[in-house]
Amino acid sequence: MTHDDGELDSLVRKRIRALRVAQGWSLEELAVRAKVSQSTLSRIENGRRRLALDQLVTLARALDTSLDQLVETDTDDVVSSPMIDAARGLKRWPIKADPGMTVVRQRMTDPPPGDPSRMRAHPGREWLVVLSGTAILLLGNRRLRIETDQAAEFPTMLPHAIGAEGGPCEILGIFDRDARRGHQRGEDTGRASRARR
């Protein structure tokens, strides 16, 4: 989607005001944070003052965002469909703003492994929420019970494994690039060792 200069200008002004209001800040509060006068900020928001790049950078910082996010206009491909991995019972969605991140939805029926040697450790971070059922997260020497609507976040350098407790559970996980690669390597290694048996 393309915007002419007038549309972009209007979009940025609306975005500045919307971000300010979302923070619950008055014009005066944002003006103090951005080190601009309240009247200057009011004229920027109302379109009575030209947008200058240096002011946009300052306002972006004060609003705890980036200049790129403040002027972003690309709204193509808002909706995406999952990639289905039927063999593993997974649905995956890439996060377009950060191609290294992946969202995974998985239904689990097996309990976590009883053998600690089957726990994996690899670089990265994971975050997961249990959508239904109860999951057991083995994390180092800990055994954590995660129930529906509870979440867990952990560094994946700790040996870990996850499984269901008392019936199926469904989880939604967010993996950074390193965590996703670590799991893919682990799954490939597991399949290879099962094939050799």
Protein backbone atom coordinates (compact mmCIF):
# COMPACT_ATOMS: atom_id res chain seq x y z
CA MET A 1 0.00 0.00 0.00
CA THR A 2 1.42 3.39 -0.96
CA HIS A 3 0.68 6.76 0.58
CA ASP A 4 1.26 10.16 -0.94
CA ASP A 5 3.00 12.73 1.27
CA GLY A 6 -0.28 14.19 2.54
CA GLU A 7 -1.65 10.80 3.61
CA LEU A 8 1.62 9.88 5.35
CA ASP A 9 1.74 13.26 7.08
CA SER A 10 -1.82 12.82 8.36
CA LEU A 11 -1.16 9.23 9.44
CA VAL A 12 1.93 10.20 11.45
CA ARG A 13 0.10 13.05 13.20
CA LYS A 14 -2.80 10.75 14.13
CA ARG A 15 -0.37 8.10 15.32
CA ILE A 16 1.49 10.59 17.57
CA ARG A 17 -1.78 11.65 19.18
CA ALA A 18 -3.06 8.06 19.50
CA LEU A 19 0.18 6.90 21.17
CA ARG A 20 0.09 9.87 23.56
CA VAL A 21 -3.53 9.18 24.51
CA ALA A 22 -2.84 5.44 24.88
CA GLN A 23 -0.14 6.29 27.43
CA GLY A 24 -2.63 8.49 29.27
CA TRP A 25 -0.44 11.57 28.79
CA SER A 26 -1.61 15.14 28.33
CA LEU A 27 -0.04 17.39 25.69
CA GLU A 28 2.01 18.92 28.46
CA GLU A 29 3.35 15.56 29.69
CA LEU A 30 4.50 14.46 26.23
CA ALA A 31 5.93 17.92 25.52
CA VAL A 32 8.07 17.69 28.67
CA ARG A 33 9.23 14.17 27.77
CA ALA A 34 10.04 15.20 24.19
CA LYS A 35 11.58 18.54 25.26
CA VAL A 36 9.35 20.56 22.92
CA SER A 37 6.88 23.25 23.82
CA GLN A 38 3.26 22.29 24.42
CA SER A 39 2.12 24.67 21.66
CA THR A 40 4.59 23.07 19.20
CA LEU A 41 3.28 19.61 20.04
CA SER A 42 -0.32 20.78 19.69
CA ARG A 43 0.42 22.27 16.26
CA ILE A 44 2.19 19.07 15.18
CA GLU A 45 -0.80 16.93 16.18
CA ASN A 46 -3.29 19.33 14.54
CA GLY A 47 -1.40 19.71 11.28
CA ARG A 48 -0.57 23.39 11.73
CA ARG A 49 3.18 22.80 11.94
CA ARG A 50 5.45 21.09 9.45
CA LEU A 51 6.79 17.69 10.54
CA ALA A 52 10.57 17.85 10.89
CA LEU A 53 12.68 14.67 10.97
CA ASP A 54 14.55 15.70 14.12
CA GLN A 55 11.25 16.29 15.95
CA LEU A 56 9.88 12.95 14.76
CA VAL A 57 12.96 11.15 16.13
CA THR A 58 12.56 12.96 19.48
CA LEU A 59 8.82 12.24 19.63
CA ALA A 60 9.34 8.57 18.73
CA ARG A 61 11.80 8.20 21.63
CA ALA A 62 9.48 10.01 24.03
CA LEU A 63 6.61 7.73 22.95
CA ASP A 64 8.81 4.65 23.44
CA THR A 65 8.65 3.62 19.80
CA SER A 66 10.96 3.83 16.80
CA LEU A 67 10.91 6.24 13.90
CA ASP A 68 10.24 3.28 11.58
CA GLN A 69 7.13 2.33 13.55
CA LEU A 70 5.97 5.93 13.69
CA VAL A 71 6.06 6.32 9.88
CA GLU A 72 5.28 2.73 8.86
CA THR A 73 2.65 2.52 6.11
CA ASP A 74 2.85 -1.10 4.95
CA THR A 75 -0.45 -2.78 5.79
CA ASP A 76 -0.35 -5.43 3.08
CA ASP A 77 -0.42 -9.04 4.21
CA VAL A 78 -2.04 -8.31 7.56
CA VAL A 79 -3.65 -11.76 7.69
CA SER A 80 -1.56 -14.91 7.35
CA SER A 81 -2.38 -18.59 7.29
CA PRO A 82 -0.48 -21.23 9.24
CA MET A 83 1.96 -23.72 7.83
CA ILE A 84 0.70 -27.17 8.82
CA ASP A 85 3.17 -29.81 9.99
CA ALA A 86 0.86 -32.83 10.31
CA ALA A 87 3.70 -35.24 11.16
CA ARG A 88 4.48 -33.29 14.34
CA GLY A 89 0.92 -32.10 15.00
CA LEU A 90 1.98 -28.44 14.68
CA LYS A 91 0.68 -25.26 13.14
CA ARG A 92 3.30 -22.53 12.64
CA TRP A 93 2.92 -18.84 11.92
CA PRO A 94 5.99 -16.70 11.14
CA ILE A 95 6.00 -13.21 12.68
CA LYS A 96 6.54 -10.90 9.71
CA ALA A 97 7.93 -8.01 11.73
CA ASP A 98 10.63 -10.32 13.13
CA PRO A 99 11.29 -13.20 10.71
CA GLY A 100 13.33 -14.99 13.38
CA MET A 101 10.26 -15.41 15.59
CA THR A 102 7.68 -18.15 15.12
CA VAL A 103 4.33 -18.86 16.78
CA VAL A 104 3.52 -22.56 17.15
CA ARG A 105 0.27 -24.24 18.18
CA GLN A 106 0.63 -27.83 19.29
CA ARG A 107 -1.64 -30.50 20.76
CA MET A 108 0.15 -32.83 23.15
CA THR A 109 -1.06 -36.18 24.41
CA ASP A 110 2.12 -37.79 25.79
CA PRO A 111 3.56 -36.98 29.21
CA PRO A 112 7.03 -35.43 29.35
CA PRO A 113 9.88 -37.94 29.00
CA GLY A 114 10.81 -39.89 32.12
CA ASP A 115 14.44 -40.10 31.00
CA PRO A 116 16.34 -36.84 31.77
CA SER A 117 18.70 -37.53 28.86
CA ARG A 118 15.78 -36.77 26.51
CA MET A 119 15.57 -33.16 27.75
CA ARG A 120 17.08 -30.64 25.34
CA ALA A 121 19.14 -27.51 25.85
CA HIS A 122 19.93 -25.04 23.08
CA PRO A 123 20.38 -21.29 22.63
CA GLY A 124 17.30 -19.07 22.65
CA ARG A 125 14.17 -18.21 24.62
CA GLU A 126 10.68 -19.67 24.59
CA TRP A 127 7.33 -18.42 25.77
CA LEU A 128 4.25 -20.60 25.89
CA VAL A 129 0.67 -20.46 27.10
CA VAL A 130 -1.55 -23.47 27.75
CA LEU A 131 -4.78 -23.06 25.76
CA SER A 132 -6.48 -26.14 27.19
CA GLY A 133 -5.63 -28.96 29.55
CA THR A 134 -2.56 -29.13 31.77
CA ALA A 135 1.07 -29.23 30.66
CA ILE A 136 4.12 -30.35 32.60
CA LEU A 137 7.32 -28.41 31.92
CA LEU A 138 10.54 -30.10 32.99
CA LEU A 139 13.09 -27.31 33.39
CA GLY A 140 16.48 -28.30 34.74
CA ASN A 141 15.71 -30.09 38.02
CA ARG A 142 12.24 -28.54 38.31
CA ARG A 143 8.87 -30.00 37.37
CA LEU A 144 6.36 -27.20 36.72
CA ARG A 145 2.61 -27.69 36.26
CA ILE A 146 1.11 -25.18 33.81
CA GLU A 147 -2.68 -25.06 33.68
CA THR A 148 -5.08 -23.53 31.15
CA ASP A 149 -4.43 -19.80 30.67
CA GLN A 150 -1.10 -19.93 32.51
CA ALA A 151 2.11 -19.07 30.67
CA ALA A 152 5.80 -19.87 31.07
CA GLU A 153 8.87 -18.10 29.72
CA PHE A 154 12.37 -19.50 30.05
CA PRO A 155 15.86 -19.52 28.58
CA THR A 156 16.32 -22.67 26.53
CA MET A 157 19.92 -23.21 27.65
CA LEU A 158 18.32 -24.96 30.64
CA PRO A 159 17.56 -28.59 29.76
CA HIS A 160 13.82 -28.77 29.19
CA ALA A 161 10.94 -30.89 27.93
CA ILE A 162 7.17 -30.50 27.93
CA GLY A 163 4.26 -32.90 27.86
CA ALA A 164 0.62 -33.34 28.84
CA GLU A 165 -0.76 -34.33 32.23
CA GLY A 166 -4.04 -36.22 32.71
CA GLY A 167 -5.14 -36.01 29.08
CA PRO A 168 -4.47 -33.90 26.00
CA CYS A 169 -3.33 -30.32 26.26
CA GLU A 170 -2.90 -27.63 23.68
CA ILE A 171 -0.19 -24.99 23.84
CA LEU A 172 0.69 -21.86 21.92
CA GLY A 173 4.40 -21.13 21.94
CA ILE A 174 6.56 -18.28 20.70
CA PHE A 175 10.12 -19.23 19.80
CA ASP A 176 12.97 -16.94 18.88
CA ARG A 177 15.17 -17.96 15.95
CA ASP A 178 17.66 -19.92 18.09
CA ALA A 179 14.97 -21.79 20.03
CA ARG A 180 13.14 -22.72 16.82
CA ARG A 181 16.36 -24.04 15.27
CA GLY A 182 17.19 -25.97 18.43
CA HIS A 183 13.82 -27.72 18.37
CA GLN A 184 14.04 -28.49 14.66
CA ARG A 185 17.50 -30.04 15.13
CA GLY A 186 16.23 -32.02 18.13
CA GLU A 187 13.22 -33.32 16.20
CA ASP A 188 15.41 -34.27 13.21
CA THR A 189 17.88 -36.08 15.51
CA GLY A 190 15.02 -37.90 17.26
CA ARG A 191 13.55 -39.07 13.96
CA ALA A 192 16.96 -40.23 12.72
CA SER A 193 17.63 -42.27 15.88
CA ARG A 194 14.14 -43.85 15.74
CA ALA A 195 14.71 -44.72 12.05
CA ARG A 196 17.98 -46.50 12.90
CA ARG A 197 16.25 -48.76 15.49
